[in-house]
N, C-alpha and C. Protein backbone atom coordinates (compact mmCIF):
# COMPACT_ATOMS: atom_id res chain seq x y z
N UNK A 1 -32.78 63.45 183.65
CA UNK A 1 -32.77 64.90 183.46
C UNK A 1 -33.73 65.55 184.45
N UNK A 2 -33.18 66.33 185.37
CA UNK A 2 -34.00 67.06 186.35
C UNK A 2 -34.10 68.51 185.90
N UNK A 3 -35.33 68.96 185.67
CA UNK A 3 -35.53 70.32 185.16
C UNK A 3 -36.64 71.01 185.94
N UNK A 4 -36.61 72.34 185.89
CA UNK A 4 -37.72 73.16 186.35
C UNK A 4 -38.36 73.78 185.12
N UNK A 5 -39.61 74.18 185.23
CA UNK A 5 -40.33 74.75 184.10
C UNK A 5 -40.88 76.12 184.48
N UNK A 6 -40.56 77.13 183.67
CA UNK A 6 -41.19 78.43 183.86
C UNK A 6 -42.67 78.29 183.55
N UNK A 7 -43.52 78.76 184.44
CA UNK A 7 -44.93 78.40 184.38
C UNK A 7 -45.81 79.59 184.71
N UNK A 8 -46.76 79.88 183.81
CA UNK A 8 -47.70 80.98 184.03
C UNK A 8 -49.14 80.52 184.05
N UNK A 9 -49.39 79.28 183.60
CA UNK A 9 -50.76 78.81 183.44
C UNK A 9 -51.31 79.07 182.05
N UNK A 10 -50.52 79.77 181.22
CA UNK A 10 -50.91 79.99 179.83
C UNK A 10 -50.61 78.78 178.97
N UNK A 11 -51.12 78.79 177.74
CA UNK A 11 -51.07 77.62 176.88
C UNK A 11 -49.65 77.14 176.58
N UNK A 12 -48.71 78.05 176.37
CA UNK A 12 -47.39 77.63 175.94
C UNK A 12 -46.55 77.06 177.08
N UNK A 13 -46.65 77.63 178.26
CA UNK A 13 -45.91 77.06 179.39
C UNK A 13 -46.48 75.70 179.77
N UNK A 14 -47.80 75.55 179.70
CA UNK A 14 -48.42 74.26 180.00
C UNK A 14 -48.03 73.22 178.97
N UNK A 15 -48.02 73.60 177.70
CA UNK A 15 -47.70 72.66 176.62
C UNK A 15 -46.22 72.26 176.67
N UNK A 16 -45.34 73.19 177.04
CA UNK A 16 -43.93 72.86 177.17
C UNK A 16 -43.71 71.81 178.26
N UNK A 17 -44.46 71.94 179.36
CA UNK A 17 -44.39 70.94 180.43
C UNK A 17 -44.87 69.59 179.92
N UNK A 18 -45.95 69.59 179.19
CA UNK A 18 -46.52 68.37 178.62
C UNK A 18 -45.51 67.66 177.71
N UNK A 19 -44.85 68.41 176.86
CA UNK A 19 -43.86 67.81 175.95
C UNK A 19 -42.68 67.23 176.72
N UNK A 20 -42.19 67.98 177.71
CA UNK A 20 -41.04 67.50 178.49
C UNK A 20 -41.38 66.21 179.24
N UNK A 21 -42.59 66.11 179.73
CA UNK A 21 -43.01 64.87 180.40
C UNK A 21 -43.05 63.71 179.41
N UNK A 22 -43.45 63.99 178.17
CA UNK A 22 -43.45 62.95 177.15
C UNK A 22 -42.04 62.48 176.83
N UNK A 23 -41.07 63.38 176.96
CA UNK A 23 -39.68 63.01 176.76
C UNK A 23 -39.14 62.17 177.92
N UNK A 24 -39.90 62.08 179.00
CA UNK A 24 -39.48 61.30 180.15
C UNK A 24 -38.65 62.07 181.15
N UNK A 25 -38.63 63.39 181.03
CA UNK A 25 -37.85 64.20 181.95
C UNK A 25 -38.55 64.34 183.30
N UNK A 26 -37.75 64.51 184.33
CA UNK A 26 -38.26 64.71 185.68
C UNK A 26 -38.39 66.21 185.94
N UNK A 27 -39.62 66.72 185.90
CA UNK A 27 -39.86 68.13 186.18
C UNK A 27 -40.08 68.27 187.68
N UNK A 28 -39.07 68.78 188.35
CA UNK A 28 -39.10 68.81 189.82
C UNK A 28 -39.94 69.97 190.36
N UNK A 29 -39.99 71.08 189.59
CA UNK A 29 -40.71 72.26 190.06
C UNK A 29 -41.29 73.04 188.89
N UNK A 30 -42.41 73.69 189.15
CA UNK A 30 -42.91 74.75 188.29
C UNK A 30 -42.49 76.07 188.92
N UNK A 31 -42.04 76.99 188.07
CA UNK A 31 -41.54 78.28 188.55
C UNK A 31 -42.49 79.38 188.10
N UNK A 32 -43.07 80.10 189.05
CA UNK A 32 -43.99 81.20 188.73
C UNK A 32 -43.45 82.49 189.33
N UNK A 33 -43.25 83.47 188.46
CA UNK A 33 -42.81 84.78 188.90
C UNK A 33 -44.03 85.71 188.96
N UNK A 34 -44.18 86.41 190.06
CA UNK A 34 -45.33 87.29 190.29
C UNK A 34 -44.90 88.75 190.16
N UNK A 35 -45.02 89.33 188.96
CA UNK A 35 -44.59 90.72 188.79
C UNK A 35 -45.54 91.70 189.44
N UNK A 36 -44.97 92.70 190.12
CA UNK A 36 -45.78 93.74 190.73
C UNK A 36 -46.40 94.64 189.66
N UNK A 37 -45.69 94.78 188.54
CA UNK A 37 -46.18 95.60 187.44
C UNK A 37 -46.88 94.71 186.42
N UNK A 38 -48.02 95.16 185.93
CA UNK A 38 -48.77 94.39 184.94
C UNK A 38 -47.99 94.22 183.65
N UNK A 39 -47.17 95.23 183.31
CA UNK A 39 -46.46 95.21 182.04
C UNK A 39 -45.02 94.73 182.19
N UNK A 40 -44.83 93.64 182.91
CA UNK A 40 -43.50 93.05 183.04
C UNK A 40 -42.94 92.72 181.66
N UNK A 41 -41.63 92.91 181.49
CA UNK A 41 -40.99 92.62 180.22
C UNK A 41 -40.86 91.13 179.97
N UNK A 42 -40.79 90.36 181.03
CA UNK A 42 -40.48 88.93 180.90
C UNK A 42 -41.63 88.00 181.27
N UNK A 43 -42.45 88.41 182.23
CA UNK A 43 -43.32 87.45 182.87
C UNK A 43 -44.80 87.77 182.69
N UNK A 44 -45.55 86.75 182.31
CA UNK A 44 -47.00 86.80 182.18
C UNK A 44 -47.60 87.07 183.56
N UNK A 45 -48.57 87.99 183.63
CA UNK A 45 -49.12 88.34 184.95
C UNK A 45 -50.62 88.08 185.07
N UNK A 46 -51.34 87.94 183.96
CA UNK A 46 -52.79 87.78 184.02
C UNK A 46 -53.15 86.45 184.67
N UNK A 47 -53.85 86.51 185.79
CA UNK A 47 -54.30 85.32 186.54
C UNK A 47 -53.14 84.44 187.00
N UNK A 48 -51.98 85.05 187.24
CA UNK A 48 -50.82 84.28 187.70
C UNK A 48 -51.10 83.64 189.06
N UNK A 49 -52.04 84.21 189.82
CA UNK A 49 -52.38 83.64 191.13
C UNK A 49 -52.95 82.23 191.02
N UNK A 50 -53.44 81.85 189.84
CA UNK A 50 -54.03 80.52 189.67
C UNK A 50 -52.99 79.42 189.49
N UNK A 51 -51.71 79.80 189.38
CA UNK A 51 -50.67 78.77 189.22
C UNK A 51 -50.62 77.81 190.41
N UNK A 52 -51.02 78.28 191.58
CA UNK A 52 -51.03 77.39 192.74
C UNK A 52 -52.01 76.23 192.53
N UNK A 53 -53.22 76.56 192.07
CA UNK A 53 -54.20 75.52 191.80
C UNK A 53 -53.76 74.64 190.62
N UNK A 54 -53.20 75.27 189.60
CA UNK A 54 -52.80 74.50 188.41
C UNK A 54 -51.65 73.55 188.72
N UNK A 55 -50.77 73.94 189.60
CA UNK A 55 -49.67 73.03 189.97
C UNK A 55 -50.21 71.79 190.67
N UNK A 56 -51.27 71.97 191.46
CA UNK A 56 -51.92 70.82 192.10
C UNK A 56 -52.59 69.96 191.04
N UNK A 57 -53.25 70.61 190.09
CA UNK A 57 -53.94 69.88 189.03
C UNK A 57 -52.97 69.05 188.19
N UNK A 58 -51.78 69.59 187.95
CA UNK A 58 -50.79 68.89 187.14
C UNK A 58 -49.94 67.94 187.98
N UNK A 59 -49.86 68.21 189.28
CA UNK A 59 -49.12 67.31 190.17
C UNK A 59 -47.64 67.58 190.24
N UNK A 60 -47.24 68.85 190.06
CA UNK A 60 -45.83 69.24 190.16
C UNK A 60 -45.75 70.42 191.13
N UNK A 61 -44.83 70.36 192.11
CA UNK A 61 -44.73 71.44 193.10
C UNK A 61 -44.43 72.79 192.46
N UNK A 62 -44.97 73.85 193.08
CA UNK A 62 -44.79 75.21 192.57
C UNK A 62 -43.85 75.99 193.48
N UNK A 63 -42.90 76.67 192.85
CA UNK A 63 -42.09 77.68 193.54
C UNK A 63 -42.47 79.03 192.96
N UNK A 64 -42.73 79.98 193.81
CA UNK A 64 -43.17 81.30 193.35
C UNK A 64 -42.32 82.39 193.99
N UNK A 65 -42.14 83.47 193.25
CA UNK A 65 -41.36 84.59 193.77
C UNK A 65 -41.95 85.90 193.28
N UNK A 66 -42.01 86.87 194.16
CA UNK A 66 -42.44 88.21 193.79
C UNK A 66 -41.30 88.94 193.09
N UNK A 67 -41.61 89.70 192.05
CA UNK A 67 -40.62 90.51 191.37
C UNK A 67 -41.23 91.87 191.06
N UNK A 68 -40.41 92.91 191.08
CA UNK A 68 -40.93 94.25 190.80
C UNK A 68 -41.29 94.43 189.34
N UNK A 69 -40.83 93.52 188.49
CA UNK A 69 -41.18 93.58 187.08
C UNK A 69 -40.44 94.65 186.31
N UNK A 70 -39.31 95.13 186.87
CA UNK A 70 -38.53 96.16 186.20
C UNK A 70 -37.57 95.53 185.20
N UNK A 71 -37.47 96.15 184.04
CA UNK A 71 -36.66 95.60 182.95
C UNK A 71 -35.26 95.26 183.43
N UNK A 72 -34.79 94.06 183.09
CA UNK A 72 -33.49 93.50 183.42
C UNK A 72 -33.37 93.14 184.90
N UNK A 73 -33.78 94.03 185.81
CA UNK A 73 -33.67 93.72 187.23
C UNK A 73 -34.49 92.50 187.61
N UNK A 74 -35.63 92.31 186.92
CA UNK A 74 -36.47 91.16 187.24
C UNK A 74 -35.77 89.84 186.93
N UNK A 75 -34.75 89.88 186.09
CA UNK A 75 -34.00 88.67 185.77
C UNK A 75 -33.19 88.19 186.97
N UNK A 76 -32.75 89.13 187.80
CA UNK A 76 -32.00 88.74 189.00
C UNK A 76 -32.87 87.91 189.94
N UNK A 77 -34.15 88.25 190.02
CA UNK A 77 -35.06 87.49 190.87
C UNK A 77 -35.20 86.06 190.37
N UNK A 78 -35.34 85.91 189.05
CA UNK A 78 -35.43 84.57 188.47
C UNK A 78 -34.14 83.81 188.69
N UNK A 79 -33.00 84.47 188.50
CA UNK A 79 -31.70 83.82 188.70
C UNK A 79 -31.56 83.30 190.13
N UNK A 80 -31.95 84.13 191.09
CA UNK A 80 -31.83 83.72 192.50
C UNK A 80 -32.71 82.52 192.81
N UNK A 81 -33.91 82.49 192.24
CA UNK A 81 -34.81 81.37 192.51
C UNK A 81 -34.28 80.09 191.87
N UNK A 82 -33.86 80.17 190.61
CA UNK A 82 -33.35 78.98 189.93
C UNK A 82 -32.07 78.48 190.59
N UNK A 83 -31.26 79.40 191.08
CA UNK A 83 -30.02 79.00 191.72
C UNK A 83 -30.20 78.32 193.06
N UNK A 84 -31.42 78.35 193.58
CA UNK A 84 -31.68 77.76 194.90
C UNK A 84 -32.13 76.30 194.83
N UNK A 85 -32.29 75.75 193.62
CA UNK A 85 -32.77 74.37 193.48
C UNK A 85 -31.80 73.54 192.64
N UNK A 86 -31.66 72.24 192.95
CA UNK A 86 -30.71 71.38 192.22
C UNK A 86 -31.33 70.84 190.93
N UNK A 87 -31.08 71.50 189.82
CA UNK A 87 -31.64 71.10 188.54
C UNK A 87 -30.55 71.10 187.46
N UNK A 88 -30.84 70.37 186.38
CA UNK A 88 -29.92 70.33 185.23
C UNK A 88 -30.29 71.36 184.18
N UNK A 89 -31.53 71.83 184.21
CA UNK A 89 -31.94 72.76 183.18
C UNK A 89 -33.30 73.37 183.46
N UNK A 90 -33.71 74.28 182.56
CA UNK A 90 -34.97 75.01 182.68
C UNK A 90 -35.72 74.93 181.36
N UNK A 91 -37.02 74.66 181.45
CA UNK A 91 -37.88 74.62 180.27
C UNK A 91 -38.69 75.92 180.22
N UNK A 92 -38.84 76.47 179.03
CA UNK A 92 -39.72 77.62 178.86
C UNK A 92 -40.57 77.42 177.62
N UNK A 93 -41.67 78.17 177.56
CA UNK A 93 -42.60 78.04 176.43
C UNK A 93 -42.39 79.07 175.35
N UNK A 94 -41.19 79.63 175.26
CA UNK A 94 -40.91 80.64 174.24
C UNK A 94 -41.09 80.06 172.84
N UNK A 95 -41.71 80.86 171.97
CA UNK A 95 -41.95 80.44 170.59
C UNK A 95 -41.11 81.27 169.60
N UNK A 96 -41.12 82.58 169.80
CA UNK A 96 -40.42 83.43 168.83
C UNK A 96 -39.74 84.63 169.48
N UNK A 97 -39.90 84.82 170.78
CA UNK A 97 -39.36 86.00 171.45
C UNK A 97 -37.88 85.84 171.74
N UNK A 98 -37.05 86.55 170.97
CA UNK A 98 -35.61 86.53 171.21
C UNK A 98 -35.30 87.18 172.55
N UNK A 99 -36.07 88.20 172.91
CA UNK A 99 -35.85 88.86 174.19
C UNK A 99 -35.94 87.85 175.34
N UNK A 100 -36.99 87.05 175.33
CA UNK A 100 -37.18 86.07 176.40
C UNK A 100 -36.13 84.97 176.33
N UNK A 101 -35.95 84.40 175.14
CA UNK A 101 -35.05 83.25 175.01
C UNK A 101 -33.62 83.60 175.39
N UNK A 102 -33.09 84.71 174.88
CA UNK A 102 -31.69 85.04 175.13
C UNK A 102 -31.44 85.34 176.60
N UNK A 103 -32.38 85.93 177.27
CA UNK A 103 -32.19 86.25 178.68
C UNK A 103 -32.27 85.01 179.56
N UNK A 104 -33.15 84.09 179.22
CA UNK A 104 -33.20 82.83 179.96
C UNK A 104 -31.90 82.04 179.73
N UNK A 105 -31.42 82.03 178.50
CA UNK A 105 -30.17 81.33 178.20
C UNK A 105 -29.00 81.95 178.97
N UNK A 106 -28.99 83.27 179.09
CA UNK A 106 -27.90 83.93 179.82
C UNK A 106 -27.92 83.54 181.29
N UNK A 107 -29.11 83.50 181.88
CA UNK A 107 -29.22 83.10 183.28
C UNK A 107 -28.74 81.66 183.45
N UNK A 108 -29.17 80.79 182.55
CA UNK A 108 -28.76 79.38 182.64
C UNK A 108 -27.25 79.23 182.50
N UNK A 109 -26.66 79.99 181.58
CA UNK A 109 -25.20 79.94 181.41
C UNK A 109 -24.49 80.35 182.69
N UNK A 110 -24.99 81.40 183.33
CA UNK A 110 -24.38 81.87 184.57
C UNK A 110 -24.50 80.85 185.69
N UNK A 111 -25.60 80.06 185.67
CA UNK A 111 -25.83 79.06 186.72
C UNK A 111 -25.24 77.70 186.36
N UNK A 112 -24.75 77.55 185.13
CA UNK A 112 -24.17 76.27 184.72
C UNK A 112 -25.21 75.20 184.43
N UNK A 113 -26.39 75.63 183.99
CA UNK A 113 -27.44 74.68 183.63
C UNK A 113 -27.88 74.96 182.19
N UNK A 114 -28.78 74.15 181.66
CA UNK A 114 -29.20 74.26 180.27
C UNK A 114 -30.59 74.88 180.13
N UNK A 115 -30.81 75.52 179.00
CA UNK A 115 -32.12 76.09 178.67
C UNK A 115 -32.75 75.29 177.55
N UNK A 116 -34.02 74.90 177.74
CA UNK A 116 -34.73 74.11 176.74
C UNK A 116 -36.01 74.84 176.32
N UNK A 117 -36.21 74.97 175.02
CA UNK A 117 -37.39 75.64 174.49
C UNK A 117 -38.06 74.73 173.46
N UNK A 118 -38.87 73.77 173.91
CA UNK A 118 -39.44 72.78 172.99
C UNK A 118 -40.39 73.34 171.95
N UNK A 119 -40.87 74.58 172.11
CA UNK A 119 -41.80 75.17 171.15
C UNK A 119 -41.11 76.14 170.19
N UNK A 120 -39.81 76.31 170.33
CA UNK A 120 -39.10 77.38 169.62
C UNK A 120 -39.23 77.26 168.11
N UNK A 121 -39.71 78.33 167.49
CA UNK A 121 -39.85 78.47 166.04
C UNK A 121 -40.75 77.41 165.40
N UNK A 122 -41.65 76.84 166.19
CA UNK A 122 -42.66 75.95 165.62
C UNK A 122 -43.67 76.79 164.82
N UNK A 123 -44.24 76.20 163.77
CA UNK A 123 -45.30 76.87 163.03
C UNK A 123 -46.44 77.19 163.99
N UNK A 124 -46.81 78.46 164.09
CA UNK A 124 -47.73 78.86 165.14
C UNK A 124 -49.14 78.30 164.96
N UNK A 125 -49.60 78.22 163.74
CA UNK A 125 -50.92 77.64 163.51
C UNK A 125 -50.91 76.16 163.89
N UNK A 126 -49.89 75.44 163.47
CA UNK A 126 -49.81 74.01 163.78
C UNK A 126 -49.62 73.79 165.28
N UNK A 127 -48.90 74.69 165.92
CA UNK A 127 -48.67 74.55 167.35
C UNK A 127 -49.99 74.64 168.13
N UNK A 128 -50.80 75.64 167.81
CA UNK A 128 -52.09 75.76 168.50
C UNK A 128 -53.00 74.59 168.14
N UNK A 129 -52.98 74.17 166.88
CA UNK A 129 -53.77 73.01 166.47
C UNK A 129 -53.37 71.78 167.28
N UNK A 130 -52.07 71.59 167.49
CA UNK A 130 -51.59 70.46 168.28
C UNK A 130 -52.09 70.55 169.72
N UNK A 131 -52.11 71.76 170.27
CA UNK A 131 -52.60 71.93 171.64
C UNK A 131 -54.08 71.59 171.74
N UNK A 132 -54.84 72.04 170.77
CA UNK A 132 -56.28 71.75 170.76
C UNK A 132 -56.52 70.25 170.58
N UNK A 133 -55.82 69.66 169.61
CA UNK A 133 -56.00 68.24 169.32
C UNK A 133 -55.56 67.34 170.48
N UNK A 134 -54.60 67.81 171.25
CA UNK A 134 -54.13 67.03 172.40
C UNK A 134 -55.16 67.01 173.53
N UNK A 135 -56.12 67.94 173.48
CA UNK A 135 -57.18 67.95 174.49
C UNK A 135 -57.08 69.05 175.52
N UNK A 136 -56.21 70.05 175.28
CA UNK A 136 -56.12 71.16 176.21
C UNK A 136 -57.33 72.09 176.04
N UNK A 137 -57.90 72.51 177.17
CA UNK A 137 -58.99 73.48 177.18
C UNK A 137 -58.38 74.83 177.54
N UNK A 138 -58.36 75.72 176.57
CA UNK A 138 -57.64 76.98 176.68
C UNK A 138 -58.62 78.14 176.59
N UNK A 139 -58.58 79.02 177.57
CA UNK A 139 -59.44 80.20 177.59
C UNK A 139 -58.61 81.44 177.25
N UNK A 140 -59.18 82.34 176.47
CA UNK A 140 -58.55 83.62 176.20
C UNK A 140 -58.92 84.59 177.31
N UNK A 141 -57.90 85.10 178.01
CA UNK A 141 -58.17 85.93 179.20
C UNK A 141 -57.60 87.34 179.08
N UNK A 142 -57.00 87.65 177.95
CA UNK A 142 -56.50 89.00 177.74
C UNK A 142 -56.37 89.27 176.25
N UNK A 143 -56.78 90.46 175.80
CA UNK A 143 -56.66 90.83 174.39
C UNK A 143 -56.13 92.26 174.29
N UNK A 144 -55.10 92.45 173.46
CA UNK A 144 -54.38 93.72 173.46
C UNK A 144 -53.91 94.12 172.06
N UNK A 145 -54.71 93.87 171.03
CA UNK A 145 -54.26 94.18 169.67
C UNK A 145 -55.44 94.50 168.78
N UNK A 146 -55.15 95.12 167.65
CA UNK A 146 -56.16 95.43 166.65
C UNK A 146 -56.87 94.17 166.17
N UNK A 147 -58.19 94.29 165.95
CA UNK A 147 -58.97 93.18 165.42
C UNK A 147 -59.77 92.44 166.47
N UNK A 148 -59.38 92.59 167.73
CA UNK A 148 -60.12 91.94 168.81
C UNK A 148 -61.19 92.87 169.36
N UNK A 149 -62.24 92.27 169.89
CA UNK A 149 -63.23 93.05 170.64
C UNK A 149 -63.55 92.31 171.93
N UNK A 150 -64.47 92.87 172.71
CA UNK A 150 -64.74 92.32 174.04
C UNK A 150 -65.27 90.89 173.99
N UNK A 151 -65.88 90.50 172.87
CA UNK A 151 -66.45 89.16 172.76
C UNK A 151 -65.38 88.06 172.84
N UNK A 152 -64.12 88.43 172.62
CA UNK A 152 -63.04 87.44 172.67
C UNK A 152 -62.72 87.02 174.10
N UNK A 153 -63.01 87.86 175.07
CA UNK A 153 -62.67 87.54 176.45
C UNK A 153 -63.48 86.34 176.94
N UNK A 154 -62.79 85.31 177.39
CA UNK A 154 -63.44 84.10 177.89
C UNK A 154 -63.70 83.05 176.83
N UNK A 155 -63.39 83.35 175.57
CA UNK A 155 -63.61 82.36 174.52
C UNK A 155 -62.67 81.18 174.67
N UNK A 156 -63.14 80.01 174.29
CA UNK A 156 -62.30 78.82 174.27
C UNK A 156 -61.54 78.77 172.95
N UNK A 157 -60.27 78.47 173.02
CA UNK A 157 -59.44 78.40 171.83
C UNK A 157 -59.65 77.04 171.15
N UNK A 158 -60.57 77.03 170.18
CA UNK A 158 -60.87 75.81 169.43
C UNK A 158 -60.50 76.02 167.97
N UNK A 159 -60.86 75.07 167.11
CA UNK A 159 -60.46 75.16 165.70
C UNK A 159 -61.08 76.37 165.00
N UNK A 160 -62.31 76.72 165.35
CA UNK A 160 -62.95 77.90 164.76
C UNK A 160 -62.22 79.17 165.18
N UNK A 161 -61.90 79.26 166.46
CA UNK A 161 -61.17 80.41 166.96
C UNK A 161 -59.80 80.51 166.30
N UNK A 162 -59.16 79.37 166.10
CA UNK A 162 -57.85 79.36 165.45
C UNK A 162 -57.93 79.95 164.05
N UNK A 163 -58.95 79.58 163.30
CA UNK A 163 -59.09 80.13 161.95
C UNK A 163 -59.32 81.64 161.98
N UNK A 164 -60.01 82.11 163.00
CA UNK A 164 -60.22 83.55 163.14
C UNK A 164 -58.89 84.25 163.47
N UNK A 165 -58.05 83.60 164.26
CA UNK A 165 -56.73 84.16 164.55
C UNK A 165 -55.87 84.22 163.29
N UNK A 166 -55.98 83.20 162.46
CA UNK A 166 -55.25 83.19 161.19
C UNK A 166 -55.69 84.37 160.33
N UNK A 167 -56.99 84.66 160.33
CA UNK A 167 -57.51 85.78 159.55
C UNK A 167 -57.02 87.12 160.12
N UNK A 168 -56.96 87.23 161.45
CA UNK A 168 -56.44 88.44 162.07
C UNK A 168 -54.97 88.62 161.76
N UNK A 169 -54.26 87.51 161.67
CA UNK A 169 -52.86 87.57 161.26
C UNK A 169 -52.73 88.13 159.85
N UNK A 170 -53.63 87.70 158.96
CA UNK A 170 -53.59 88.17 157.58
C UNK A 170 -53.91 89.66 157.50
N UNK A 171 -54.89 90.11 158.30
CA UNK A 171 -55.32 91.50 158.23
C UNK A 171 -54.43 92.46 159.00
N UNK A 172 -53.98 92.03 160.20
CA UNK A 172 -53.29 92.96 161.09
C UNK A 172 -51.88 92.51 161.47
N UNK A 173 -51.43 91.37 160.91
CA UNK A 173 -50.08 90.85 161.16
C UNK A 173 -49.84 90.49 162.63
N UNK A 174 -50.90 90.13 163.36
CA UNK A 174 -50.70 89.69 164.74
C UNK A 174 -50.04 88.31 164.74
N UNK A 175 -49.40 87.99 165.84
CA UNK A 175 -48.88 86.63 166.03
C UNK A 175 -50.05 85.71 166.29
N UNK A 176 -50.16 84.64 165.52
CA UNK A 176 -51.26 83.68 165.70
C UNK A 176 -51.24 83.08 167.10
N UNK A 177 -50.05 82.92 167.65
CA UNK A 177 -49.92 82.33 168.98
C UNK A 177 -49.90 83.38 170.09
N UNK A 178 -50.04 84.67 169.73
CA UNK A 178 -50.01 85.72 170.73
C UNK A 178 -48.63 85.98 171.29
N UNK A 179 -47.60 85.61 170.55
CA UNK A 179 -46.24 85.72 171.06
C UNK A 179 -45.79 87.16 171.21
N UNK A 180 -46.45 88.07 170.51
CA UNK A 180 -46.12 89.49 170.66
C UNK A 180 -46.94 90.19 171.73
N UNK A 181 -47.64 89.42 172.56
CA UNK A 181 -48.46 90.00 173.61
C UNK A 181 -49.85 90.39 173.15
N UNK A 182 -50.25 89.91 171.94
CA UNK A 182 -51.56 90.28 171.41
C UNK A 182 -52.71 89.71 172.24
N UNK A 183 -52.51 88.54 172.82
CA UNK A 183 -53.53 87.97 173.70
C UNK A 183 -52.87 87.06 174.72
N UNK A 184 -53.59 86.82 175.82
CA UNK A 184 -53.12 85.95 176.89
C UNK A 184 -54.13 84.83 177.10
N UNK A 185 -53.64 83.70 177.60
CA UNK A 185 -54.51 82.54 177.76
C UNK A 185 -54.38 81.92 179.15
N UNK A 186 -55.33 81.06 179.46
CA UNK A 186 -55.34 80.28 180.69
C UNK A 186 -55.81 78.88 180.35
N UNK A 187 -55.04 77.88 180.75
CA UNK A 187 -55.42 76.49 180.50
C UNK A 187 -56.17 75.97 181.73
N UNK A 188 -57.35 75.42 181.50
CA UNK A 188 -58.14 74.94 182.64
C UNK A 188 -58.22 73.41 182.71
N UNK A 189 -57.80 72.73 181.64
CA UNK A 189 -57.81 71.27 181.65
C UNK A 189 -56.93 70.77 180.51
N UNK A 190 -56.52 69.52 180.61
CA UNK A 190 -55.69 68.95 179.55
C UNK A 190 -55.28 67.53 179.88
N UNK A 191 -54.57 66.88 178.96
CA UNK A 191 -54.20 65.48 179.14
C UNK A 191 -53.22 65.23 180.29
N UNK A 192 -52.51 66.27 180.72
CA UNK A 192 -51.60 66.11 181.86
C UNK A 192 -52.19 66.67 183.15
N UNK A 193 -53.50 66.93 183.15
CA UNK A 193 -54.20 67.42 184.34
C UNK A 193 -54.85 66.23 185.05
N UNK A 194 -54.70 66.19 186.36
CA UNK A 194 -55.42 65.21 187.18
C UNK A 194 -56.79 65.73 187.59
N UNK A 195 -56.94 67.06 187.61
CA UNK A 195 -58.19 67.70 187.97
C UNK A 195 -58.39 68.93 187.09
N UNK A 196 -59.63 69.30 186.88
CA UNK A 196 -59.96 70.46 186.05
C UNK A 196 -60.11 71.70 186.90
N UNK A 197 -59.64 72.84 186.37
CA UNK A 197 -59.85 74.12 187.03
C UNK A 197 -61.22 74.67 186.64
N UNK A 198 -62.05 74.94 187.62
CA UNK A 198 -63.38 75.51 187.40
C UNK A 198 -63.34 76.99 187.78
N UNK A 199 -63.85 77.84 186.90
CA UNK A 199 -63.85 79.28 187.14
C UNK A 199 -65.19 79.67 187.78
N UNK A 200 -65.18 79.95 189.05
CA UNK A 200 -66.41 80.22 189.79
C UNK A 200 -66.87 81.67 189.67
N UNK A 201 -65.91 82.57 189.70
CA UNK A 201 -66.25 84.00 189.67
C UNK A 201 -65.24 84.73 188.81
N UNK A 202 -65.73 85.42 187.79
CA UNK A 202 -64.84 86.15 186.88
C UNK A 202 -65.28 87.60 186.78
N UNK A 203 -64.35 88.43 186.36
CA UNK A 203 -64.64 89.84 186.11
C UNK A 203 -63.99 90.24 184.79
N UNK A 204 -64.79 90.81 183.89
CA UNK A 204 -64.25 91.30 182.63
C UNK A 204 -64.00 92.80 182.73
N UNK A 205 -62.79 93.19 182.39
CA UNK A 205 -62.40 94.59 182.42
C UNK A 205 -62.10 95.01 180.98
N UNK A 206 -62.83 95.99 180.48
CA UNK A 206 -62.68 96.40 179.08
C UNK A 206 -62.35 97.89 179.00
N UNK A 207 -61.32 98.23 178.21
CA UNK A 207 -60.89 99.61 178.04
C UNK A 207 -60.84 99.97 176.56
N UNK A 208 -61.95 100.14 175.96
CA UNK A 208 -62.11 100.62 174.58
C UNK A 208 -61.53 99.68 173.53
N UNK A 209 -60.24 99.35 173.62
CA UNK A 209 -59.63 98.50 172.60
C UNK A 209 -58.79 97.36 173.18
N UNK A 210 -58.89 97.13 174.48
CA UNK A 210 -58.19 96.01 175.10
C UNK A 210 -58.91 95.60 176.37
N UNK A 211 -58.69 94.39 176.79
CA UNK A 211 -59.40 93.93 177.99
C UNK A 211 -58.79 92.70 178.62
N UNK A 212 -59.22 92.44 179.84
CA UNK A 212 -58.70 91.33 180.63
C UNK A 212 -59.85 90.63 181.34
N UNK A 213 -59.76 89.32 181.41
CA UNK A 213 -60.70 88.52 182.19
C UNK A 213 -59.96 88.05 183.45
N UNK A 214 -60.40 88.55 184.59
CA UNK A 214 -59.76 88.20 185.86
C UNK A 214 -60.60 87.12 186.54
N UNK A 215 -59.95 86.03 186.92
CA UNK A 215 -60.62 84.98 187.69
C UNK A 215 -60.48 85.32 189.17
N UNK A 216 -61.57 85.71 189.78
CA UNK A 216 -61.54 86.13 191.17
C UNK A 216 -61.67 84.94 192.12
N UNK A 217 -62.28 83.87 191.61
CA UNK A 217 -62.44 82.68 192.44
C UNK A 217 -62.51 81.44 191.56
N UNK A 218 -61.81 80.39 191.93
CA UNK A 218 -61.85 79.14 191.19
C UNK A 218 -61.57 77.96 192.11
N UNK A 219 -61.88 76.77 191.62
CA UNK A 219 -61.57 75.56 192.41
C UNK A 219 -61.27 74.41 191.46
N UNK A 220 -60.71 73.34 192.01
CA UNK A 220 -60.42 72.14 191.23
C UNK A 220 -61.52 71.11 191.46
N UNK A 221 -61.95 70.49 190.37
CA UNK A 221 -62.98 69.45 190.54
C UNK A 221 -62.40 68.10 190.14
């Protein structure tokens, strides 16, 4: 099975790659879409520039494409990129987003390949627990929902943090896994990493009730 994996450097895309490798699949490429607009409908944009380093750390070649990030039109860019490589299917880290899943499936149908979503409808608390227990080091790099404050930026997603997310889910009905865009993550190390991503220079941007941690400089050790 030759597949490509949609890849942002966030926890779910990294974990989907990890699972597919455990299945013995040949992941020929990581696919990173670079939206010009921060609020792309389909594609994660926070620290997307780090996918180049992360692809080296994981040992899978990266294909990247710029997209304007405009609703529906951005799908054509993904279709063109996927259509340029010889693969049997595409892996994505979708958990609960019908918007994302159905559009990826439509592109795959048009290209005559398969769509695989190994995390689809998994229990979100158990899913994050599995990621932590597997040894992934996950940083929170964006927060965009009620209940969060600036102290969350840069936190490591560990068991204590997970319990706090469960409590925020109880109080504010946020997605524990951030599937509704409540928070964004960056994986800096894990069991499928050959090298760790070190964050040398960061900038925290805070706007009253939401914020982003931008990695301005990093290296692999």
